[in-house]
């Protein structure tokens, strides 16, 4: 009969390693969710014609925010280089230029 001492998980691991495993799993799941958000934002941007500059600018800021959240989560997971992500997702330069920036108040559309 196995005795449960409250310090080990079902795999015979310590409480700390079980917690670390759970945190790693949650970080990976969140990274996936944020990656899908980037894909959706980029798809929305790509669906806006070039001549609709106001709509495109709004979409660029939305994309930049999604990319920023994704980059921050990647860095929290120890993935500091983003070159491959930028290439894989084909993130346009105008979006990258807005990552981490907030739309100036004078340009906000409500």
PDB file of N, CA and C in Angstrom:
ATOM      1  N   UNK A   1       0.837  -1.162   0.000  1.00  0.00           N
ATOM      2  CA  UNK A   1       0.000   0.000   0.000  1.00  0.00           C
ATOM      3  C   UNK A   1       0.894   1.242   0.000  1.00  0.00           C
ATOM      4  N   UNK A   2       0.617   2.157  -0.915  1.00  0.00           N
ATOM      5  CA  UNK A   2       1.412   3.383  -1.006  1.00  0.00           C
ATOM      6  C   UNK A   2       0.938   4.381   0.033  1.00  0.00           C
ATOM      7  N   UNK A   3       1.887   5.013   0.650  1.00  0.00           N
ATOM      8  CA  UNK A   3       1.578   6.036   1.644  1.00  0.00           C
ATOM      9  C   UNK A   3       1.774   7.390   0.984  1.00  0.00           C
ATOM     10  N   UNK A   4       0.774   8.242   1.099  1.00  0.00           N
ATOM     11  CA  UNK A   4       0.853   9.587   0.510  1.00  0.00           C
ATOM     12  C   UNK A   4       1.224  10.557   1.616  1.00  0.00           C
ATOM     13  N   UNK A   5       2.398  11.163   1.489  1.00  0.00           N
ATOM     14  CA  UNK A   5       2.882  12.052   2.548  1.00  0.00           C
ATOM     15  C   UNK A   5       2.538  13.521   2.309  1.00  0.00           C
ATOM     16  N   UNK A   6       1.821  13.818   1.232  1.00  0.00           N
ATOM     17  CA  UNK A   6       1.464  15.198   0.937  1.00  0.00           C
ATOM     18  C   UNK A   6       2.565  15.982   0.250  1.00  0.00           C
ATOM     19  N   UNK A   7       3.731  15.387   0.108  1.00  0.00           N
ATOM     20  CA  UNK A   7       4.865  16.080  -0.496  1.00  0.00           C
ATOM     21  C   UNK A   7       5.177  15.559  -1.896  1.00  0.00           C
ATOM     22  N   UNK A   8       4.537  14.497  -2.298  1.00  0.00           N
ATOM     23  CA  UNK A   8       4.832  13.935  -3.611  1.00  0.00           C
ATOM     24  C   UNK A   8       3.566  13.844  -4.428  1.00  0.00           C
ATOM     25  N   UNK A   9       3.716  13.986  -5.736  1.00  0.00           N
ATOM     26  CA  UNK A   9       2.593  13.862  -6.642  1.00  0.00           C
ATOM     27  C   UNK A   9       2.388  12.413  -7.032  1.00  0.00           C
ATOM     28  N   UNK A  10       1.508  12.196  -7.996  1.00  0.00           N
ATOM     29  CA  UNK A  10       1.193  10.840  -8.420  1.00  0.00           C
ATOM     30  C   UNK A  10       2.371  10.167  -9.107  1.00  0.00           C
ATOM     31  N   UNK A  11       3.339  10.908  -9.531  1.00  0.00           N
ATOM     32  CA  UNK A  11       4.507  10.342 -10.206  1.00  0.00           C
ATOM     33  C   UNK A  11       5.677  10.158  -9.239  1.00  0.00           C
ATOM     34  N   UNK A  12       5.434  10.321  -7.967  1.00  0.00           N
ATOM     35  CA  UNK A  12       6.507  10.199  -7.000  1.00  0.00           C
ATOM     36  C   UNK A  12       7.446  11.382  -7.005  1.00  0.00           C
ATOM     37  N   UNK A  13       6.984  12.514  -7.531  1.00  0.00           N
ATOM     38  CA  UNK A  13       7.830  13.697  -7.590  1.00  0.00           C
ATOM     39  C   UNK A  13       7.537  14.595  -6.394  1.00  0.00           C
ATOM     40  N   UNK A  14       8.457  15.480  -6.112  1.00  0.00           N
ATOM     41  CA  UNK A  14       8.249  16.395  -4.990  1.00  0.00           C
ATOM     42  C   UNK A  14       7.158  17.398  -5.347  1.00  0.00           C
ATOM     43  N   UNK A  15       6.649  18.048  -4.331  1.00  0.00           N
ATOM     44  CA  UNK A  15       5.636  19.078  -4.558  1.00  0.00           C
ATOM     45  C   UNK A  15       6.161  20.195  -5.430  1.00  0.00           C
ATOM     46  N   UNK A  16       7.434  20.550  -5.238  1.00  0.00           N
ATOM     47  CA  UNK A  16       8.033  21.630  -6.034  1.00  0.00           C
ATOM     48  C   UNK A  16       8.146  21.241  -7.499  1.00  0.00           C
ATOM     49  N   UNK A  17       8.546  20.001  -7.767  1.00  0.00           N
ATOM     50  CA  UNK A  17       8.669  19.607  -9.178  1.00  0.00           C
ATOM     51  C   UNK A  17       7.297  19.425  -9.815  1.00  0.00           C
ATOM     52  N   UNK A  18       6.314  19.007  -9.054  1.00  0.00           N
ATOM     53  CA  UNK A  18       4.948  18.913  -9.588  1.00  0.00           C
ATOM     54  C   UNK A  18       4.432  20.305  -9.934  1.00  0.00           C
ATOM     55  N   UNK A  19       4.708  21.263  -9.059  1.00  0.00           N
ATOM     56  CA  UNK A  19       4.308  22.640  -9.319  1.00  0.00           C
ATOM     57  C   UNK A  19       5.021  23.184 -10.549  1.00  0.00           C
ATOM     58  N   UNK A  20       6.315  22.918 -10.666  1.00  0.00           N
ATOM     59  CA  UNK A  20       7.077  23.384 -11.823  1.00  0.00           C
ATOM     60  C   UNK A  20       6.523  22.786 -13.115  1.00  0.00           C
ATOM     61  N   UNK A  21       6.173  21.503 -13.074  1.00  0.00           N
ATOM     62  CA  UNK A  21       5.596  20.846 -14.251  1.00  0.00           C
ATOM     63  C   UNK A  21       4.269  21.493 -14.625  1.00  0.00           C
ATOM     64  N   UNK A  22       3.430  21.770 -13.629  1.00  0.00           N
ATOM     65  CA  UNK A  22       2.142  22.406 -13.890  1.00  0.00           C
ATOM     66  C   UNK A  22       2.324  23.811 -14.453  1.00  0.00           C
ATOM     67  N   UNK A  23       3.268  24.568 -13.902  1.00  0.00           N
ATOM     68  CA  UNK A  23       3.531  25.922 -14.405  1.00  0.00           C
ATOM     69  C   UNK A  23       4.057  25.890 -15.831  1.00  0.00           C
ATOM     70  N   UNK A  24       4.918  24.944 -16.124  1.00  0.00           N
ATOM     71  CA  UNK A  24       5.451  24.812 -17.487  1.00  0.00           C
ATOM     72  C   UNK A  24       4.342  24.462 -18.467  1.00  0.00           C
ATOM     73  N   UNK A  25       3.448  23.581 -18.056  1.00  0.00           N
ATOM     74  CA  UNK A  25       2.334  23.201 -18.923  1.00  0.00           C
ATOM     75  C   UNK A  25       1.421  24.393 -19.181  1.00  0.00           C
ATOM     76  N   UNK A  26       1.147  25.176 -18.156  1.00  0.00           N
ATOM     77  CA  UNK A  26       0.301  26.352 -18.321  1.00  0.00           C
ATOM     78  C   UNK A  26       0.978  27.402 -19.200  1.00  0.00           C
ATOM     79  N   UNK A  27       2.284  27.583 -19.031  1.00  0.00           N
ATOM     80  CA  UNK A  27       3.024  28.534 -19.872  1.00  0.00           C
ATOM     81  C   UNK A  27       2.967  28.122 -21.334  1.00  0.00           C
ATOM     82  N   UNK A  28       3.134  26.830 -21.591  1.00  0.00           N
ATOM     83  CA  UNK A  28       3.082  26.323 -22.971  1.00  0.00           C
ATOM     84  C   UNK A  28       1.685  26.498 -23.555  1.00  0.00           C
ATOM     85  N   UNK A  29       0.657  26.212 -22.759  1.00  0.00           N
ATOM     86  CA  UNK A  29      -0.718  26.369 -23.246  1.00  0.00           C
ATOM     87  C   UNK A  29      -1.007  27.843 -23.551  1.00  0.00           C
ATOM     88  N   UNK A  30      -0.553  28.734 -22.690  1.00  0.00           N
ATOM     89  CA  UNK A  30      -0.760  30.159 -22.913  1.00  0.00           C
ATOM     90  C   UNK A  30      -0.009  30.634 -24.151  1.00  0.00           C
ATOM     91  N   UNK A  31       1.183  30.113 -24.351  1.00  0.00           N
ATOM     92  CA  UNK A  31       1.950  30.458 -25.547  1.00  0.00           C
ATOM     93  C   UNK A  31       1.175  30.056 -26.805  1.00  0.00           C
ATOM     94  N   UNK A  32       0.559  28.898 -26.776  1.00  0.00           N
ATOM     95  CA  UNK A  32      -0.265  28.455 -27.900  1.00  0.00           C
ATOM     96  C   UNK A  32      -1.455  29.364 -28.134  1.00  0.00           C
ATOM     97  N   UNK A  33      -2.150  29.741 -27.055  1.00  0.00           N
ATOM     98  CA  UNK A  33      -3.301  30.648 -27.185  1.00  0.00           C
ATOM     99  C   UNK A  33      -2.879  31.995 -27.770  1.00  0.00           C
ATOM    100  N   UNK A  34      -1.767  32.517 -27.280  1.00  0.00           N
ATOM    101  CA  UNK A  34      -1.298  33.814 -27.774  1.00  0.00           C
ATOM    102  C   UNK A  34      -0.834  33.724 -29.219  1.00  0.00           C
ATOM    103  N   UNK A  35      -0.235  32.607 -29.607  1.00  0.00           N
ATOM    104  CA  UNK A  35       0.166  32.406 -31.000  1.00  0.00           C
ATOM    105  C   UNK A  35      -1.042  32.389 -31.925  1.00  0.00           C
ATOM    106  N   UNK A  36      -2.115  31.737 -31.484  1.00  0.00           N
ATOM    107  CA  UNK A  36      -3.341  31.727 -32.293  1.00  0.00           C
ATOM    108  C   UNK A  36      -3.954  33.116 -32.381  1.00  0.00           C
ATOM    109  N   UNK A  37      -3.831  33.908 -31.302  1.00  0.00           N
ATOM    110  CA  UNK A  37      -4.331  35.285 -31.338  1.00  0.00           C
ATOM    111  C   UNK A  37      -3.550  36.114 -32.353  1.00  0.00           C
ATOM    112  N   UNK A  38      -2.240  35.892 -32.436  1.00  0.00           N
ATOM    113  CA  UNK A  38      -1.426  36.577 -33.442  1.00  0.00           C
ATOM    114  C   UNK A  38      -1.899  36.187 -34.837  1.00  0.00           C
ATOM    115  N   UNK A  39      -2.124  34.910 -35.054  1.00  0.00           N
ATOM    116  CA  UNK A  39      -2.580  34.450 -36.367  1.00  0.00           C
ATOM    117  C   UNK A  39      -3.911  35.091 -36.748  1.00  0.00           C
ATOM    118  N   UNK A  40      -4.849  35.159 -35.806  1.00  0.00           N
ATOM    119  CA  UNK A  40      -6.155  35.772 -36.092  1.00  0.00           C
ATOM    120  C   UNK A  40      -6.007  37.262 -36.409  1.00  0.00           C
ATOM    121  N   UNK A  41      -5.188  37.957 -35.621  1.00  0.00           N
ATOM    122  CA  UNK A  41      -4.992  39.391 -35.847  1.00  0.00           C
ATOM    123  C   UNK A  41      -4.354  39.653 -37.207  1.00  0.00           C
ATOM    124  N   UNK A  42      -3.361  38.846 -37.556  1.00  0.00           N
ATOM    125  CA  UNK A  42      -2.707  39.013 -38.856  1.00  0.00           C
ATOM    126  C   UNK A  42      -3.662  38.692 -40.007  1.00  0.00           C
ATOM    127  N   UNK A  43      -4.494  37.687 -39.838  1.00  0.00           N
ATOM    128  CA  UNK A  43      -5.474  37.353 -40.877  1.00  0.00           C
ATOM    129  C   UNK A  43      -6.442  38.522 -41.074  1.00  0.00           C
ATOM    130  N   UNK A  44      -6.844  39.143 -39.958  1.00  0.00           N
ATOM    131  CA  UNK A  44      -7.719  40.308 -40.061  1.00  0.00           C
ATOM    132  C   UNK A  44      -7.054  41.454 -40.798  1.00  0.00           C
ATOM    133  N   UNK A  45      -5.799  41.703 -40.497  1.00  0.00           N
ATOM    134  CA  UNK A  45      -5.054  42.770 -41.177  1.00  0.00           C
ATOM    135  C   UNK A  45      -4.935  42.474 -42.665  1.00  0.00           C
ATOM    136  N   UNK A  46      -4.616  41.253 -43.001  1.00  0.00           N
ATOM    137  CA  UNK A  46      -4.430  40.889 -44.415  1.00  0.00           C
ATOM    138  C   UNK A  46      -5.723  40.977 -45.215  1.00  0.00           C
ATOM    139  N   UNK A  47      -6.856  40.957 -44.509  1.00  0.00           N
ATOM    140  CA  UNK A  47      -8.147  41.062 -45.192  1.00  0.00           C
ATOM    141  C   UNK A  47      -8.584  42.492 -45.470  1.00  0.00           C
ATOM    142  N   UNK A  48      -7.794  43.456 -45.051  1.00  0.00           N
ATOM    143  CA  UNK A  48      -8.154  44.868 -45.240  1.00  0.00           C
ATOM    144  C   UNK A  48      -7.388  45.416 -46.436  1.00  0.00           C
ATOM    145  N   UNK A  49      -8.098  45.971 -47.413  1.00  0.00           N
ATOM    146  CA  UNK A  49      -7.419  46.534 -48.590  1.00  0.00           C
ATOM    147  C   UNK A  49      -6.450  47.654 -48.218  1.00  0.00           C
ATOM    148  N   UNK A  50      -5.386  47.757 -48.985  1.00  0.00           N
ATOM    149  CA  UNK A  50      -4.337  48.763 -48.745  1.00  0.00           C
ATOM    150  C   UNK A  50      -4.881  50.190 -48.728  1.00  0.00           C
ATOM    151  N   UNK A  51      -5.929  50.463 -49.504  1.00  0.00           N
ATOM    152  CA  UNK A  51      -6.428  51.836 -49.603  1.00  0.00           C
ATOM    153  C   UNK A  51      -7.287  52.246 -48.403  1.00  0.00           C
ATOM    154  N   UNK A  52      -7.590  51.336 -47.512  1.00  0.00           N
ATOM    155  CA  UNK A  52      -8.355  51.652 -46.300  1.00  0.00           C
ATOM    156  C   UNK A  52      -7.370  51.912 -45.153  1.00  0.00           C
ATOM    157  N   UNK A  53      -6.713  53.056 -45.247  1.00  0.00           N
ATOM    158  CA  UNK A  53      -5.597  53.340 -44.343  1.00  0.00           C
ATOM    159  C   UNK A  53      -6.004  53.405 -42.868  1.00  0.00           C
ATOM    160  N   UNK A  54      -7.137  53.991 -42.553  1.00  0.00           N
ATOM    161  CA  UNK A  54      -7.557  54.091 -41.150  1.00  0.00           C
ATOM    162  C   UNK A  54      -7.834  52.700 -40.579  1.00  0.00           C
ATOM    163  N   UNK A  55      -8.532  51.879 -41.334  1.00  0.00           N
ATOM    164  CA  UNK A  55      -8.835  50.514 -40.883  1.00  0.00           C
ATOM    165  C   UNK A  55      -7.561  49.692 -40.756  1.00  0.00           C
ATOM    166  N   UNK A  56      -6.644  49.866 -41.696  1.00  0.00           N
ATOM    167  CA  UNK A  56      -5.379  49.137 -41.637  1.00  0.00           C
ATOM    168  C   UNK A  56      -4.549  49.567 -40.421  1.00  0.00           C
ATOM    169  N   UNK A  57      -4.545  50.857 -40.143  1.00  0.00           N
ATOM    170  CA  UNK A  57      -3.786  51.326 -38.985  1.00  0.00           C
ATOM    171  C   UNK A  57      -4.360  50.744 -37.695  1.00  0.00           C
ATOM    172  N   UNK A  58      -5.687  50.722 -37.597  1.00  0.00           N
ATOM    173  CA  UNK A  58      -6.327  50.109 -36.427  1.00  0.00           C
ATOM    174  C   UNK A  58      -5.918  48.647 -36.307  1.00  0.00           C
ATOM    175  N   UNK A  59      -5.954  47.936 -37.417  1.00  0.00           N
ATOM    176  CA  UNK A  59      -5.600  46.512 -37.421  1.00  0.00           C
ATOM    177  C   UNK A  59      -4.112  46.310 -37.112  1.00  0.00           C
ATOM    178  N   UNK A  60      -3.267  47.213 -37.589  1.00  0.00           N
ATOM    179  CA  UNK A  60      -1.835  47.119 -37.280  1.00  0.00           C
ATOM    180  C   UNK A  60      -1.594  47.253 -35.780  1.00  0.00           C
ATOM    181  N   UNK A  61      -2.287  48.195 -35.127  1.00  0.00           N
ATOM    182  CA  UNK A  61      -2.136  48.338 -33.679  1.00  0.00           C
ATOM    183  C   UNK A  61      -2.667  47.097 -32.952  1.00  0.00           C
ATOM    184  N   UNK A  62      -3.766  46.537 -33.433  1.00  0.00           N
ATOM    185  CA  UNK A  62      -4.301  45.309 -32.822  1.00  0.00           C
ATOM    186  C   UNK A  62      -3.313  44.162 -32.986  1.00  0.00           C
ATOM    187  N   UNK A  63      -2.723  44.037 -34.163  1.00  0.00           N
ATOM    188  CA  UNK A  63      -1.706  43.005 -34.399  1.00  0.00           C
ATOM    189  C   UNK A  63      -0.500  43.223 -33.502  1.00  0.00           C
ATOM    190  N   UNK A  64      -0.055  44.458 -33.418  1.00  0.00           N
ATOM    191  CA  UNK A  64       1.129  44.771 -32.612  1.00  0.00           C
ATOM    192  C   UNK A  64       0.913  44.399 -31.153  1.00  0.00           C
ATOM    193  N   UNK A  65      -0.284  44.634 -30.651  1.00  0.00           N
ATOM    194  CA  UNK A  65      -0.571  44.269 -29.267  1.00  0.00           C
ATOM    195  C   UNK A  65      -0.544  42.748 -29.092  1.00  0.00           C
ATOM    196  N   UNK A  66      -1.141  42.015 -30.032  1.00  0.00           N
ATOM    197  CA  UNK A  66      -1.128  40.548 -29.968  1.00  0.00           C
ATOM    198  C   UNK A  66       0.304  40.020 -30.050  1.00  0.00           C
ATOM    199  N   UNK A  67       1.104  40.591 -30.939  1.00  0.00           N
ATOM    200  CA  UNK A  67       2.503  40.170 -31.090  1.00  0.00           C
ATOM    201  C   UNK A  67       3.281  40.490 -29.826  1.00  0.00           C
ATOM    202  N   UNK A  68       3.037  41.648 -29.252  1.00  0.00           N
ATOM    203  CA  UNK A  68       3.723  42.045 -28.019  1.00  0.00           C
ATOM    204  C   UNK A  68       3.425  41.051 -26.903  1.00  0.00           C
ATOM    205  N   UNK A  69       2.156  40.709 -26.694  1.00  0.00           N
ATOM    206  CA  UNK A  69       1.798  39.729 -25.662  1.00  0.00           C
ATOM    207  C   UNK A  69       2.496  38.398 -25.926  1.00  0.00           C
ATOM    208  N   UNK A  70       2.539  38.002 -27.185  1.00  0.00           N
ATOM    209  CA  UNK A  70       3.181  36.731 -27.563  1.00  0.00           C
ATOM    210  C   UNK A  70       4.683  36.772 -27.263  1.00  0.00           C
ATOM    211  N   UNK A  71       5.338  37.856 -27.621  1.00  0.00           N
ATOM    212  CA  UNK A  71       6.775  38.004 -27.358  1.00  0.00           C
ATOM    213  C   UNK A  71       7.061  37.961 -25.852  1.00  0.00           C
ATOM    214  N   UNK A  72       6.237  38.648 -25.080  1.00  0.00           N
ATOM    215  CA  UNK A  72       6.445  38.660 -23.628  1.00  0.00           C
ATOM    216  C   UNK A  72       6.322  37.244 -23.066  1.00  0.00           C
ATOM    217  N   UNK A  73       5.319  36.502 -23.519  1.00  0.00           N
ATOM    218  CA  UNK A  73       5.151  35.126 -23.036  1.00  0.00           C
ATOM    219  C   UNK A  73       6.321  34.254 -23.473  1.00  0.00           C
ATOM    220  N   UNK A  74       6.780  34.434 -24.700  1.00  0.00           N
ATOM    221  CA  UNK A  74       7.950  33.676 -25.160  1.00  0.00           C
ATOM    222  C   UNK A  74       9.154  33.965 -24.268  1.00  0.00           C
ATOM    223  N   UNK A  75       9.356  35.225 -23.946  1.00  0.00           N
ATOM    224  CA  UNK A  75      10.493  35.593 -23.099  1.00  0.00           C
ATOM    225  C   UNK A  75      10.337  35.010 -21.700  1.00  0.00           C
ATOM    226  N   UNK A  76       9.117  34.964 -21.184  1.00  0.00           N
ATOM    227  CA  UNK A  76       8.879  34.350 -19.877  1.00  0.00           C
ATOM    228  C   UNK A  76       9.188  32.851 -19.905  1.00  0.00           C
ATOM    229  N   UNK A  77       9.090  32.251 -21.079  1.00  0.00           N
ATOM    230  CA  UNK A  77       9.416  30.828 -21.244  1.00  0.00           C
ATOM    231  C   UNK A  77      10.895  30.620 -21.565  1.00  0.00           C
ATOM    232  N   UNK A  78      11.667  31.703 -21.613  1.00  0.00           N
ATOM    233  CA  UNK A  78      13.097  31.595 -21.887  1.00  0.00           C
ATOM    234  C   UNK A  78      13.453  31.654 -23.360  1.00  0.00           C
ATOM    235  N   UNK A  79      12.496  32.062 -24.184  1.00  0.00           N
ATOM    236  CA  UNK A  79      12.716  32.148 -25.640  1.00  0.00           C
ATOM    237  C   UNK A  79      12.873  33.612 -26.022  1.00  0.00           C
ATOM    238  N   UNK A  80      14.094  34.093 -25.972  1.00  0.00           N
ATOM    239  CA  UNK A  80      14.343  35.526 -26.141  1.00  0.00           C
ATOM    240  C   UNK A  80      14.464  35.974 -27.596  1.00  0.00           C
ATOM    241  N   UNK A  81      14.786  35.070 -28.487  1.00  0.00           N
ATOM    242  CA  UNK A  81      14.947  35.456 -29.899  1.00  0.00           C
ATOM    243  C   UNK A  81      13.627  35.259 -30.639  1.00  0.00           C
ATOM    244  N   UNK A  82      13.236  36.272 -31.404  1.00  0.00           N
ATOM    245  CA  UNK A  82      11.941  36.232 -32.073  1.00  0.00           C
ATOM    246  C   UNK A  82      12.052  36.183 -33.596  1.00  0.00           C
ATOM    247  N   UNK A  83      13.277  36.125 -34.119  1.00  0.00           N
ATOM    248  CA  UNK A  83      13.476  36.170 -35.570  1.00  0.00           C
ATOM    249  C   UNK A  83      12.681  35.091 -36.303  1.00  0.00           C
ATOM    250  N   UNK A  84      12.726  33.874 -35.804  1.00  0.00           N
ATOM    251  CA  UNK A  84      12.038  32.774 -36.489  1.00  0.00           C
ATOM    252  C   UNK A  84      10.525  32.956 -36.437  1.00  0.00           C
ATOM    253  N   UNK A  85      10.021  33.511 -35.343  1.00  0.00           N
ATOM    254  CA  UNK A  85       8.583  33.757 -35.219  1.00  0.00           C
ATOM    255  C   UNK A  85       8.147  34.834 -36.206  1.00  0.00           C
ATOM    256  N   UNK A  86       8.934  35.887 -36.296  1.00  0.00           N
ATOM    257  CA  UNK A  86       8.620  36.979 -37.230  1.00  0.00           C
ATOM    258  C   UNK A  86       8.568  36.443 -38.658  1.00  0.00           C
ATOM    259  N   UNK A  87       9.517  35.575 -38.977  1.00  0.00           N
ATOM    260  CA  UNK A  87       9.558  34.988 -40.321  1.00  0.00           C
ATOM    261  C   UNK A  87       8.411  34.011 -40.540  1.00  0.00           C
ATOM    262  N   UNK A  88       8.164  33.138 -39.566  1.00  0.00           N
ATOM    263  CA  UNK A  88       7.117  32.125 -39.706  1.00  0.00           C
ATOM    264  C   UNK A  88       5.735  32.758 -39.852  1.00  0.00           C
ATOM    265  N   UNK A  89       5.438  33.737 -39.009  1.00  0.00           N
ATOM    266  CA  UNK A  89       4.133  34.397 -39.051  1.00  0.00           C
ATOM    267  C   UNK A  89       4.063  35.484 -40.121  1.00  0.00           C
ATOM    268  N   UNK A  90       5.203  35.803 -40.733  1.00  0.00           N
ATOM    269  CA  UNK A  90       5.271  36.860 -41.743  1.00  0.00           C
ATOM    270  C   UNK A  90       4.687  38.163 -41.195  1.00  0.00           C
ATOM    271  N   UNK A  91       5.228  38.567 -40.058  1.00  0.00           N
ATOM    272  CA  UNK A  91       4.751  39.787 -39.399  1.00  0.00           C
ATOM    273  C   UNK A  91       5.302  40.990 -40.163  1.00  0.00           C
ATOM    274  N   UNK A  92       4.423  41.840 -40.687  1.00  0.00           N
ATOM    275  CA  UNK A  92       4.890  42.974 -41.492  1.00  0.00           C
ATOM    276  C   UNK A  92       5.621  44.033 -40.656  1.00  0.00           C
ATOM    277  N   UNK A  93       6.510  44.749 -41.315  1.00  0.00           N
ATOM    278  CA  UNK A  93       7.308  45.794 -40.664  1.00  0.00           C
ATOM    279  C   UNK A  93       6.454  46.851 -39.965  1.00  0.00           C
ATOM    280  N   UNK A  94       5.339  47.317 -40.574  1.00  0.00           N
ATOM    281  CA  UNK A  94       4.531  48.326 -39.866  1.00  0.00           C
ATOM    282  C   UNK A  94       3.967  47.812 -38.532  1.00  0.00           C
ATOM    283  N   UNK A  95       3.714  46.523 -38.435  1.00  0.00           N
ATOM    284  CA  UNK A  95       3.244  45.932 -37.185  1.00  0.00           C
ATOM    285  C   UNK A  95       4.398  45.884 -36.187  1.00  0.00           C
ATOM    286  N   UNK A  96       5.558  45.408 -36.633  1.00  0.00           N
ATOM    287  CA  UNK A  96       6.718  45.323 -35.746  1.00  0.00           C
ATOM    288  C   UNK A  96       7.100  46.697 -35.197  1.00  0.00           C
ATOM    289  N   UNK A  97       6.932  47.721 -36.009  1.00  0.00           N
ATOM    290  CA  UNK A  97       7.268  49.078 -35.572  1.00  0.00           C
ATOM    291  C   UNK A  97       6.346  49.561 -34.446  1.00  0.00           C
ATOM    292  N   UNK A  98       5.174  48.932 -34.331  1.00  0.00           N
ATOM    293  CA  UNK A  98       4.198  49.345 -33.317  1.00  0.00           C
ATOM    294  C   UNK A  98       4.205  48.440 -32.083  1.00  0.00           C
ATOM    295  N   UNK A  99       4.987  47.364 -32.095  1.00  0.00           N
ATOM    296  CA  UNK A  99       5.006  46.438 -30.960  1.00  0.00           C
ATOM    297  C   UNK A  99       5.478  47.175 -29.708  1.00  0.00           C
ATOM    298  N   UNK A 100       4.681  47.095 -28.658  1.00  0.00           N
ATOM    299  CA  UNK A 100       5.006  47.756 -27.400  1.00  0.00           C
ATOM    300  C   UNK A 100       4.576  49.209 -27.342  1.00  0.00           C
ATOM    301  N   UNK A 101       4.069  49.726 -28.453  1.00  0.00           N
ATOM    302  CA  UNK A 101       3.637  51.128 -28.497  1.00  0.00           C
ATOM    303  C   UNK A 101       2.121  51.212 -28.304  1.00  0.00           C
ATOM    304  N   UNK A 102       1.692  52.292 -27.788  1.00  0.00           N
ATOM    305  CA  UNK A 102       0.268  52.587 -27.674  1.00  0.00           C
ATOM    306  C   UNK A 102      -0.076  53.641 -28.710  1.00  0.00           C
ATOM    307  N   UNK A 103      -1.273  53.508 -29.242  1.00  0.00           N
ATOM    308  CA  UNK A 103      -1.733  54.504 -30.212  1.00  0.00           C
ATOM    309  C   UNK A 103      -1.780  55.870 -29.531  1.00  0.00           C
ATOM    310  N   UNK A 104      -1.202  56.887 -30.155  1.00  0.00           N
ATOM    311  CA  UNK A 104      -1.272  58.238 -29.572  1.00  0.00           C
ATOM    312  C   UNK A 104      -2.729  58.642 -29.355  1.00  0.00           C
ATOM    313  N   UNK A 105      -3.019  59.311 -28.260  1.00  0.00           N
ATOM    314  CA  UNK A 105      -4.387  59.684 -27.911  1.00  0.00           C
ATOM    315  C   UNK A 105      -5.065  60.483 -29.010  1.00  0.00           C
ATOM    316  N   UNK A 106      -4.319  61.334 -29.703  1.00  0.00           N
ATOM    317  CA  UNK A 106      -4.900  62.154 -30.768  1.00  0.00           C
ATOM    318  C   UNK A 106      -5.355  61.301 -31.945  1.00  0.00           C
ATOM    319  N   UNK A 107      -4.825  60.100 -32.073  1.00  0.00           N
ATOM    320  CA  UNK A 107      -5.173  59.247 -33.198  1.00  0.00           C
ATOM    321  C   UNK A 107      -6.182  58.156 -32.838  1.00  0.00           C
ATOM    322  N   UNK A 108      -6.553  58.065 -31.568  1.00  0.00           N
ATOM    323  CA  UNK A 108      -7.484  57.011 -31.150  1.00  0.00           C
ATOM    324  C   UNK A 108      -8.840  57.225 -31.802  1.00  0.00           C
ATOM    325  N   UNK A 109      -9.379  56.123 -32.256  1.00  0.00           N
ATOM    326  CA  UNK A 109     -10.722  56.146 -32.829  1.00  0.00           C
ATOM    327  C   UNK A 109     -11.644  55.407 -31.861  1.00  0.00           C
ATOM    328  N   UNK A 110     -12.776  56.005 -31.573  1.00  0.00           N
ATOM    329  CA  UNK A 110     -13.716  55.342 -30.656  1.00  0.00           C
ATOM    330  C   UNK A 110     -14.982  54.979 -31.339  1.00  0.00           C
TER     331      UNK A 110
END
